Structures are given as structure tokens and as C-alpha cells.
């Protein structure tokens, strides 16, 4: 049962801007920490890690803007 909830939560992490807490709550996890624990057990990474992997490419070049005089 948890595996199915985790698979569905991965879809939301990838396709929405909902918070990790809101997604965990939506799938019936009693706390963010328990959601993260179960997520890590089934995926090998935390929900925050997955979320970062998705959003990081959008921001990777923003901090590397060089200024020329």
C-alpha cells in the first residue's frame, strides 16, 4: 500500500508546486517525517532530493552570470 502511495506522490512532486508536507498529507501520511522515511525506503532518495533534481536544472545557470566591464 505504501509503495502505491509513494509512486503517486512522485508524480505530484514532479508535476506540481505543492509542498512536500501537502503531498504527504494528501496521500494519508500522518507526518512529513514519516512520509519522507517511507519515500526514502521505496525510492532511495528523499522527497526533497527528488524535488531538487527536478527544479535544479531551471536555476543552474542563474548564479553563473559573469559581469564584464
PDB file of N, CA and C in Angstrom:
ATOM      1  N   UNK A   1       0.822  -1.197   0.000  1.00  0.00           N
ATOM      2  CA  UNK A   1       0.000   0.000   0.000  1.00  0.00           C
ATOM      3  C   UNK A   1       0.866   1.261   0.000  1.00  0.00           C
ATOM      4  N   UNK A   2       1.883   1.302   0.866  1.00  0.00           N
ATOM      5  CA  UNK A   2       2.758   2.474   0.888  1.00  0.00           C
ATOM      6  C   UNK A   2       3.461   2.680  -0.448  1.00  0.00           C
ATOM      7  N   UNK A   3       3.833   1.590  -1.093  1.00  0.00           N
ATOM      8  CA  UNK A   3       4.535   1.702  -2.369  1.00  0.00           C
ATOM      9  C   UNK A   3       3.666   2.424  -3.401  1.00  0.00           C
ATOM     10  N   UNK A   4       2.402   2.092  -3.452  1.00  0.00           N
ATOM     11  CA  UNK A   4       1.486   2.747  -4.379  1.00  0.00           C
ATOM     12  C   UNK A   4       1.347   4.240  -4.043  1.00  0.00           C
ATOM     13  N   UNK A   5       1.218   4.550  -2.765  1.00  0.00           N
ATOM     14  CA  UNK A   5       1.106   5.960  -2.360  1.00  0.00           C
ATOM     15  C   UNK A   5       2.370   6.726  -2.719  1.00  0.00           C
ATOM     16  N   UNK A   6       3.525   6.089  -2.568  1.00  0.00           N
ATOM     17  CA  UNK A   6       4.789   6.737  -2.907  1.00  0.00           C
ATOM     18  C   UNK A   6       4.884   6.978  -4.411  1.00  0.00           C
ATOM     19  N   UNK A   7       4.499   5.997  -5.199  1.00  0.00           N
ATOM     20  CA  UNK A   7       4.531   6.162  -6.665  1.00  0.00           C
ATOM     21  C   UNK A   7       3.655   7.332  -7.096  1.00  0.00           C
ATOM     22  N   UNK A   8       2.486   7.441  -6.525  1.00  0.00           N
ATOM     23  CA  UNK A   8       1.591   8.548  -6.866  1.00  0.00           C
ATOM     24  C   UNK A   8       2.120   9.880  -6.354  1.00  0.00           C
ATOM     25  N   UNK A   9       2.751   9.860  -5.200  1.00  0.00           N
ATOM     26  CA  UNK A   9       3.307  11.106  -4.665  1.00  0.00           C
ATOM     27  C   UNK A   9       4.479  11.594  -5.526  1.00  0.00           C
ATOM     28  N   UNK A  10       5.232  10.663  -6.109  1.00  0.00           N
ATOM     29  CA  UNK A  10       6.325  11.045  -7.012  1.00  0.00           C
ATOM     30  C   UNK A  10       5.786  11.844  -8.191  1.00  0.00           C
ATOM     31  N   UNK A  11       4.642  11.426  -8.713  1.00  0.00           N
ATOM     32  CA  UNK A  11       4.028  12.151  -9.823  1.00  0.00           C
ATOM     33  C   UNK A  11       3.712  13.591  -9.430  1.00  0.00           C
ATOM     34  N   UNK A  12       3.172  13.772  -8.235  1.00  0.00           N
ATOM     35  CA  UNK A  12       2.863  15.136  -7.789  1.00  0.00           C
ATOM     36  C   UNK A  12       4.130  15.955  -7.561  1.00  0.00           C
ATOM     37  N   UNK A  13       5.158  15.346  -6.997  1.00  0.00           N
ATOM     38  CA  UNK A  13       6.415  16.065  -6.795  1.00  0.00           C
ATOM     39  C   UNK A  13       6.990  16.546  -8.118  1.00  0.00           C
ATOM     40  N   UNK A  14       6.794  15.753  -9.160  1.00  0.00           N
ATOM     41  CA  UNK A  14       7.348  16.090 -10.470  1.00  0.00           C
ATOM     42  C   UNK A  14       6.483  17.068 -11.252  1.00  0.00           C
ATOM     43  N   UNK A  15       5.198  17.111 -10.952  1.00  0.00           N
ATOM     44  CA  UNK A  15       4.279  17.864 -11.812  1.00  0.00           C
ATOM     45  C   UNK A  15       3.513  18.997 -11.148  1.00  0.00           C
ATOM     46  N   UNK A  16       3.768  19.252  -9.867  1.00  0.00           N
ATOM     47  CA  UNK A  16       3.059  20.339  -9.191  1.00  0.00           C
ATOM     48  C   UNK A  16       4.036  21.133  -8.339  1.00  0.00           C
ATOM     49  N   UNK A  17       3.531  22.218  -7.807  1.00  0.00           N
ATOM     50  CA  UNK A  17       4.338  23.017  -6.881  1.00  0.00           C
ATOM     51  C   UNK A  17       3.862  22.842  -5.439  1.00  0.00           C
ATOM     52  N   UNK A  18       3.072  21.792  -5.199  1.00  0.00           N
ATOM     53  CA  UNK A  18       2.630  21.515  -3.826  1.00  0.00           C
ATOM     54  C   UNK A  18       3.837  21.241  -2.936  1.00  0.00           C
ATOM     55  N   UNK A  19       3.715  21.598  -1.680  1.00  0.00           N
ATOM     56  CA  UNK A  19       4.800  21.334  -0.732  1.00  0.00           C
ATOM     57  C   UNK A  19       4.878  19.840  -0.429  1.00  0.00           C
ATOM     58  N   UNK A  20       6.022  19.420   0.054  1.00  0.00           N
ATOM     59  CA  UNK A  20       6.219  18.025   0.441  1.00  0.00           C
ATOM     60  C   UNK A  20       5.229  17.653   1.538  1.00  0.00           C
ATOM     61  N   UNK A  21       5.025  18.555   2.469  1.00  0.00           N
ATOM     62  CA  UNK A  21       4.068  18.315   3.551  1.00  0.00           C
ATOM     63  C   UNK A  21       2.663  18.095   2.983  1.00  0.00           C
ATOM     64  N   UNK A  22       2.240  18.948   2.050  1.00  0.00           N
ATOM     65  CA  UNK A  22       0.898  18.841   1.465  1.00  0.00           C
ATOM     66  C   UNK A  22       0.733  17.534   0.693  1.00  0.00           C
ATOM     67  N   UNK A  23       1.767  17.135  -0.018  1.00  0.00           N
ATOM     68  CA  UNK A  23       1.698  15.884  -0.781  1.00  0.00           C
ATOM     69  C   UNK A  23       1.611  14.692   0.155  1.00  0.00           C
ATOM     70  N   UNK A  24       2.433  14.676   1.194  1.00  0.00           N
ATOM     71  CA  UNK A  24       2.368  13.592   2.179  1.00  0.00           C
ATOM     72  C   UNK A  24       0.991  13.503   2.821  1.00  0.00           C
ATOM     73  N   UNK A  25       0.454  14.659   3.171  1.00  0.00           N
ATOM     74  CA  UNK A  25      -0.868  14.710   3.788  1.00  0.00           C
ATOM     75  C   UNK A  25      -1.945  14.206   2.818  1.00  0.00           C
ATOM     76  N   UNK A  26      -1.827  14.599   1.561  1.00  0.00           N
ATOM     77  CA  UNK A  26      -2.798  14.192   0.541  1.00  0.00           C
ATOM     78  C   UNK A  26      -2.878  12.673   0.405  1.00  0.00           C
ATOM     79  N   UNK A  27      -1.747  11.999   0.617  1.00  0.00           N
ATOM     80  CA  UNK A  27      -1.718  10.544   0.477  1.00  0.00           C
ATOM     81  C   UNK A  27      -1.824   9.821   1.814  1.00  0.00           C
ATOM     82  N   UNK A  28      -2.232  10.544   2.846  1.00  0.00           N
ATOM     83  CA  UNK A  28      -2.580   9.909   4.111  1.00  0.00           C
ATOM     84  C   UNK A  28      -1.436   9.648   5.072  1.00  0.00           C
ATOM     85  N   UNK A  29      -0.277  10.259   4.851  1.00  0.00           N
ATOM     86  CA  UNK A  29       0.823  10.097   5.797  1.00  0.00           C
ATOM     87  C   UNK A  29       0.591  11.042   6.966  1.00  0.00           C
ATOM     88  N   UNK A  30       0.795  10.538   8.183  1.00  0.00           N
ATOM     89  CA  UNK A  30       0.457  11.305   9.375  1.00  0.00           C
ATOM     90  C   UNK A  30       1.428  12.449   9.661  1.00  0.00           C
ATOM     91  N   UNK A  31       2.619  12.387   9.088  1.00  0.00           N
ATOM     92  CA  UNK A  31       3.582  13.468   9.295  1.00  0.00           C
ATOM     93  C   UNK A  31       4.554  13.526   8.116  1.00  0.00           C
ATOM     94  N   UNK A  32       5.178  14.672   7.962  1.00  0.00           N
ATOM     95  CA  UNK A  32       6.160  14.840   6.892  1.00  0.00           C
ATOM     96  C   UNK A  32       7.347  13.912   7.076  1.00  0.00           C
ATOM     97  N   UNK A  33       7.743  13.705   8.322  1.00  0.00           N
ATOM     98  CA  UNK A  33       8.909  12.858   8.570  1.00  0.00           C
ATOM     99  C   UNK A  33       8.618  11.391   8.229  1.00  0.00           C
ATOM    100  N   UNK A  34       7.396  10.927   8.522  1.00  0.00           N
ATOM    101  CA  UNK A  34       7.046   9.551   8.171  1.00  0.00           C
ATOM    102  C   UNK A  34       6.930   9.406   6.653  1.00  0.00           C
ATOM    103  N   UNK A  35       6.371  10.411   6.003  1.00  0.00           N
ATOM    104  CA  UNK A  35       6.297  10.399   4.540  1.00  0.00           C
ATOM    105  C   UNK A  35       7.704  10.322   3.954  1.00  0.00           C
ATOM    106  N   UNK A  36       8.617  11.148   4.447  1.00  0.00           N
ATOM    107  CA  UNK A  36      10.000  11.147   3.947  1.00  0.00           C
ATOM    108  C   UNK A  36      10.678   9.805   4.202  1.00  0.00           C
ATOM    109  N   UNK A  37      10.435   9.219   5.362  1.00  0.00           N
ATOM    110  CA  UNK A  37      11.022   7.917   5.699  1.00  0.00           C
ATOM    111  C   UNK A  37      10.542   6.837   4.722  1.00  0.00           C
ATOM    112  N   UNK A  38       9.238   6.787   4.480  1.00  0.00           N
ATOM    113  CA  UNK A  38       8.684   5.800   3.546  1.00  0.00           C
ATOM    114  C   UNK A  38       9.154   6.074   2.125  1.00  0.00           C
ATOM    115  N   UNK A  39       9.190   7.346   1.745  1.00  0.00           N
ATOM    116  CA  UNK A  39       9.617   7.723   0.397  1.00  0.00           C
ATOM    117  C   UNK A  39      11.045   7.255   0.160  1.00  0.00           C
ATOM    118  N   UNK A  40      11.921   7.497   1.133  1.00  0.00           N
ATOM    119  CA  UNK A  40      13.327   7.103   1.019  1.00  0.00           C
ATOM    120  C   UNK A  40      13.465   5.585   0.942  1.00  0.00           C
ATOM    121  N   UNK A  41      12.636   4.880   1.699  1.00  0.00           N
ATOM    122  CA  UNK A  41      12.678   3.416   1.709  1.00  0.00           C
ATOM    123  C   UNK A  41      12.377   2.851   0.314  1.00  0.00           C
ATOM    124  N   UNK A  42      11.417   3.421  -0.377  1.00  0.00           N
ATOM    125  CA  UNK A  42      10.995   2.884  -1.675  1.00  0.00           C
ATOM    126  C   UNK A  42      11.741   3.468  -2.871  1.00  0.00           C
ATOM    127  N   UNK A  43      12.291   4.679  -2.722  1.00  0.00           N
ATOM    128  CA  UNK A  43      12.928   5.322  -3.880  1.00  0.00           C
ATOM    129  C   UNK A  43      14.436   5.465  -3.754  1.00  0.00           C
ATOM    130  N   UNK A  44      14.944   5.409  -2.537  1.00  0.00           N
ATOM    131  CA  UNK A  44      16.378   5.595  -2.341  1.00  0.00           C
ATOM    132  C   UNK A  44      16.787   7.045  -2.189  1.00  0.00           C
ATOM    133  N   UNK A  45      15.822   7.965  -2.269  1.00  0.00           N
ATOM    134  CA  UNK A  45      16.121   9.385  -2.038  1.00  0.00           C
ATOM    135  C   UNK A  45      14.952  10.012  -1.294  1.00  0.00           C
ATOM    136  N   UNK A  46      15.182  11.175  -0.750  1.00  0.00           N
ATOM    137  CA  UNK A  46      14.117  11.860  -0.022  1.00  0.00           C
ATOM    138  C   UNK A  46      13.227  12.620  -1.000  1.00  0.00           C
ATOM    139  N   UNK A  47      12.026  12.990  -0.572  1.00  0.00           N
ATOM    140  CA  UNK A  47      11.166  13.800  -1.447  1.00  0.00           C
ATOM    141  C   UNK A  47      11.839  15.127  -1.811  1.00  0.00           C
ATOM    142  N   UNK A  48      12.570  15.694  -0.875  1.00  0.00           N
ATOM    143  CA  UNK A  48      13.271  16.961  -1.151  1.00  0.00           C
ATOM    144  C   UNK A  48      14.348  16.766  -2.214  1.00  0.00           C
ATOM    145  N   UNK A  49      15.065  15.637  -2.152  1.00  0.00           N
ATOM    146  CA  UNK A  49      16.087  15.354  -3.168  1.00  0.00           C
ATOM    147  C   UNK A  49      15.462  15.248  -4.546  1.00  0.00           C
ATOM    148  N   UNK A  50      14.338  14.544  -4.651  1.00  0.00           N
ATOM    149  CA  UNK A  50      13.664  14.400  -5.942  1.00  0.00           C
ATOM    150  C   UNK A  50      13.170  15.755  -6.435  1.00  0.00           C
ATOM    151  N   UNK A  51      12.582  16.510  -5.549  1.00  0.00           N
ATOM    152  CA  UNK A  51      12.090  17.833  -5.913  1.00  0.00           C
ATOM    153  C   UNK A  51      13.236  18.719  -6.395  1.00  0.00           C
ATOM    154  N   UNK A  52      14.373  18.655  -5.715  1.00  0.00           N
ATOM    155  CA  UNK A  52      15.546  19.452  -6.101  1.00  0.00           C
ATOM    156  C   UNK A  52      16.072  19.017  -7.469  1.00  0.00           C
ATOM    157  N   UNK A  53      16.101  17.720  -7.722  1.00  0.00           N
ATOM    158  CA  UNK A  53      16.573  17.213  -9.017  1.00  0.00           C
ATOM    159  C   UNK A  53      15.723  17.752 -10.156  1.00  0.00           C
ATOM    160  N   UNK A  54      14.456  17.966  -9.886  1.00  0.00           N
ATOM    161  CA  UNK A  54      13.539  18.455 -10.910  1.00  0.00           C
ATOM    162  C   UNK A  54      13.703  19.961 -11.120  1.00  0.00           C
ATOM    163  N   UNK A  55      13.853  20.712 -10.029  1.00  0.00           N
ATOM    164  CA  UNK A  55      13.904  22.166 -10.146  1.00  0.00           C
ATOM    165  C   UNK A  55      15.305  22.716 -10.367  1.00  0.00           C
ATOM    166  N   UNK A  56      16.337  21.995  -9.987  1.00  0.00           N
ATOM    167  CA  UNK A  56      17.709  22.498 -10.097  1.00  0.00           C
ATOM    168  C   UNK A  56      18.103  22.882 -11.521  1.00  0.00           C
ATOM    169  N   UNK A  57      17.770  22.093 -12.535  1.00  0.00           N
ATOM    170  CA  UNK A  57      18.176  22.490 -13.893  1.00  0.00           C
ATOM    171  C   UNK A  57      17.625  23.849 -14.326  1.00  0.00           C
ATOM    172  N   UNK A  58      16.489  24.255 -13.783  1.00  0.00           N
ATOM    173  CA  UNK A  58      15.922  25.556 -14.135  1.00  0.00           C
ATOM    174  C   UNK A  58      16.785  26.696 -13.624  1.00  0.00           C
ATOM    175  N   UNK A  59      17.498  26.470 -12.527  1.00  0.00           N
ATOM    176  CA  UNK A  59      18.241  27.527 -11.879  1.00  0.00           C
ATOM    177  C   UNK A  59      19.746  27.402 -12.016  1.00  0.00           C
ATOM    178  N   UNK A  60      20.246  26.381 -12.683  1.00  0.00           N
ATOM    179  CA  UNK A  60      21.677  26.099 -12.672  1.00  0.00           C
ATOM    180  C   UNK A  60      22.524  27.218 -13.258  1.00  0.00           C
ATOM    181  N   UNK A  61      22.033  27.945 -14.230  1.00  0.00           N
ATOM    182  CA  UNK A  61      22.834  28.989 -14.859  1.00  0.00           C
ATOM    183  C   UNK A  61      22.623  30.367 -14.249  1.00  0.00           C
ATOM    184  N   UNK A  62      21.663  30.540 -13.396  1.00  0.00           N
ATOM    185  CA  UNK A  62      21.380  31.862 -12.839  1.00  0.00           C
ATOM    186  C   UNK A  62      22.519  32.419 -12.005  1.00  0.00           C
ATOM    187  N   UNK A  63      23.202  31.568 -11.265  1.00  0.00           N
ATOM    188  CA  UNK A  63      24.289  32.041 -10.408  1.00  0.00           C
ATOM    189  C   UNK A  63      25.609  32.176 -11.115  1.00  0.00           C
ATOM    190  N   UNK A  64      25.696  31.802 -12.376  1.00  0.00           N
ATOM    191  CA  UNK A  64      26.951  31.803 -13.116  1.00  0.00           C
ATOM    192  C   UNK A  64      27.056  32.918 -14.129  1.00  0.00           C
ATOM    193  N   UNK A  65      26.301  33.962 -13.926  1.00  0.00           N
ATOM    194  CA  UNK A  65      26.335  35.089 -14.867  1.00  0.00           C
ATOM    195  C   UNK A  65      27.574  35.921 -14.535  1.00  0.00           C
ATOM    196  N   UNK A  66      28.455  36.017 -15.502  1.00  0.00           N
ATOM    197  CA  UNK A  66      29.676  36.808 -15.271  1.00  0.00           C
ATOM    198  C   UNK A  66      29.435  38.240 -15.733  1.00  0.00           C
ATOM    199  N   UNK A  67      30.029  39.134 -15.001  1.00  0.00           N
ATOM    200  CA  UNK A  67      29.900  40.552 -15.365  1.00  0.00           C
ATOM    201  C   UNK A  67      31.178  40.989 -16.051  1.00  0.00           C
ATOM    202  N   UNK A  68      31.034  41.619 -17.177  1.00  0.00           N
ATOM    203  CA  UNK A  68      32.192  42.134 -17.895  1.00  0.00           C
ATOM    204  C   UNK A  68      32.162  43.637 -17.869  1.00  0.00           C
ATOM    205  N   UNK A  69      33.340  44.218 -17.827  1.00  0.00           N
ATOM    206  CA  UNK A  69      33.435  45.683 -17.794  1.00  0.00           C
ATOM    207  C   UNK A  69      33.913  46.201 -19.100  1.00  0.00           C
TER     208      UNK A  69
END
